[in-house]
Amino acid sequence: MRLRGEAHGAERSSARVSADRPPSLFSAEVRLDGGRGVVSISGELDLVSVPVLLACVATLSADVDDVVLDLGELRFIDASGLHAIDASAQRLRTSGGSLVLRAPQPPVRRIFDLLGFERTVLIQP
């Protein structure tokens, strides 16, 4: 299963970027991997892109208990992105699942560390 979501400024799209649009500031790719759901996100997770992330996690949680957010290409996260990750982790825990944060870049990892995210989600290097 593959689902691709992208956010462009104030506009949200579930289609690929066309040549007449500016480069995407956020993209998310959803896939199943060995019984786990994986959302690979890149760019900037902010107020505009949070609905795309939440939709991706909701899509996966219908089929799997555990979701991995691959953050290797995430360059920026704001308070709304942090809240979305925390809310997703809580929702998954409530239903018996888990959320894992994989490969956050050092600036993003520092924010997780400062806020104590490791107390509620597993953060993998």
Protein backbone atom coordinates (compact mmCIF):
# COMPACT_ATOMS: atom_id res chain seq x y z
CA MET A 1 0.00 0.00 0.00
CA ARG A 2 1.42 3.40 -0.93
CA LEU A 3 -0.12 6.76 -0.28
CA ARG A 4 1.66 9.99 -1.04
CA GLY A 5 0.69 13.29 0.51
CA GLU A 6 2.24 16.69 0.04
CA ALA A 7 1.68 20.18 1.37
CA HIS A 8 2.46 23.35 -0.60
CA GLY A 9 2.20 26.56 1.38
CA ALA A 10 -1.44 26.99 2.35
CA GLU A 11 -2.52 24.38 -0.19
CA ARG A 12 -2.67 20.64 0.59
CA SER A 13 -2.57 17.96 -2.05
CA SER A 14 -2.53 14.19 -2.20
CA ALA A 15 -1.20 14.26 -5.75
CA ARG A 16 2.36 14.48 -6.96
CA VAL A 17 3.98 17.84 -7.49
CA SER A 18 3.51 19.04 -11.02
CA ALA A 19 6.07 21.12 -12.88
CA ASP A 20 4.01 24.31 -12.56
CA ARG A 21 4.01 24.21 -8.73
CA PRO A 22 6.78 25.23 -6.34
CA PRO A 23 8.85 22.46 -4.76
CA SER A 24 7.12 20.73 -1.89
CA LEU A 25 7.94 21.88 1.63
CA PHE A 26 6.59 18.60 3.05
CA SER A 27 5.95 15.14 1.76
CA ALA A 28 4.88 11.89 3.36
CA GLU A 29 5.01 8.37 2.01
CA VAL A 30 3.09 5.55 3.67
CA ARG A 31 3.94 1.87 3.38
CA LEU A 32 3.59 -1.42 5.24
CA ASP A 33 6.83 -3.08 6.29
CA GLY A 34 6.75 -6.43 8.06
CA GLY A 35 3.49 -5.85 9.90
CA ARG A 36 4.34 -2.27 10.85
CA GLY A 37 3.22 0.91 9.22
CA VAL A 38 5.92 3.33 8.14
CA VAL A 39 5.45 7.01 7.35
CA SER A 40 8.55 8.55 5.77
CA ILE A 41 8.33 12.30 6.01
CA SER A 42 10.54 14.99 4.58
CA GLY A 43 10.70 18.75 4.63
CA GLU A 44 8.90 20.83 7.24
CA LEU A 45 6.27 19.55 9.66
CA ASP A 46 4.19 22.57 10.60
CA LEU A 47 0.61 23.80 10.89
CA VAL A 48 0.06 23.39 7.14
CA SER A 49 1.45 19.85 6.86
CA VAL A 50 0.14 18.37 10.13
CA PRO A 51 -3.21 17.27 8.58
CA VAL A 52 -1.28 15.22 6.00
CA LEU A 53 0.72 13.46 8.73
CA LEU A 54 -2.39 12.79 10.81
CA ALA A 55 -4.18 11.34 7.77
CA CYS A 56 -1.22 9.06 7.04
CA VAL A 57 -1.11 7.75 10.62
CA ALA A 58 -4.89 7.28 10.66
CA THR A 59 -4.74 5.34 7.37
CA LEU A 60 -2.09 3.01 8.77
CA SER A 61 -3.69 2.56 12.18
CA ALA A 62 -6.72 1.00 10.49
CA ASP A 63 -4.46 -1.90 9.39
CA VAL A 64 -1.60 -2.10 11.93
CA ASP A 65 -0.99 -1.46 15.63
CA ASP A 66 2.55 -0.10 15.38
CA VAL A 67 3.66 2.88 13.31
CA VAL A 68 7.18 4.13 12.59
CA LEU A 69 7.78 7.75 11.63
CA ASP A 70 10.95 7.85 9.55
CA LEU A 71 12.25 11.37 10.21
CA GLY A 72 15.56 11.12 8.36
CA GLU A 73 14.57 13.82 5.88
CA LEU A 74 12.63 16.07 8.28
CA ARG A 75 14.36 19.47 8.42
CA PHE A 76 11.99 21.44 10.67
CA ILE A 77 9.21 20.84 13.18
CA ASP A 78 7.06 23.40 14.99
CA ALA A 79 4.76 23.12 18.02
CA SER A 80 1.83 21.86 15.92
CA GLY A 81 4.03 19.08 14.51
CA LEU A 82 5.19 18.11 18.00
CA HIS A 83 1.58 18.05 19.18
CA ALA A 84 0.54 15.89 16.22
CA ILE A 85 3.27 13.35 16.98
CA ASP A 86 2.36 13.28 20.67
CA ALA A 87 -1.38 12.94 19.91
CA SER A 88 -0.67 10.13 17.42
CA ALA A 89 1.45 8.30 20.00
CA GLN A 90 -1.31 8.59 22.59
CA ARG A 91 -3.96 7.35 20.13
CA LEU A 92 -1.85 4.35 19.16
CA ARG A 93 -1.07 3.50 22.81
CA THR A 94 -4.76 3.68 23.70
CA SER A 95 -5.50 1.06 21.03
CA GLY A 96 -2.62 -1.19 22.15
CA GLY A 97 -0.08 -0.01 19.59
CA SER A 98 3.02 2.14 19.57
CA LEU A 99 4.74 4.95 17.72
CA VAL A 100 8.47 4.87 16.99
CA LEU A 101 10.46 7.89 15.81
CA ARG A 102 13.29 6.79 13.52
CA ALA A 103 16.44 8.70 12.51
CA PRO A 104 15.60 12.29 13.47
CA GLN A 105 18.18 14.84 12.31
CA PRO A 106 20.23 16.38 15.18
CA PRO A 107 18.25 19.67 15.39
CA VAL A 108 14.93 17.79 15.49
CA ARG A 109 16.31 15.20 17.93
CA ARG A 110 17.44 18.02 20.22
CA ILE A 111 13.88 19.34 20.41
CA PHE A 112 12.58 15.84 21.26
CA ASP A 113 15.25 15.54 23.97
CA LEU A 114 14.50 18.96 25.46
CA LEU A 115 10.78 18.15 25.64
CA GLY A 116 11.27 14.65 27.06
CA PHE A 117 9.68 12.77 24.14
CA GLU A 118 11.76 9.69 24.99
CA ARG A 119 9.49 9.17 28.01
CA THR A 120 6.48 8.48 25.76
CA VAL A 121 7.88 7.22 22.44
CA LEU A 122 10.85 5.14 21.37
CA ILE A 123 13.38 7.22 19.44
CA GLN A 124 15.73 5.16 17.25
CA PRO A 125 18.98 6.57 15.81
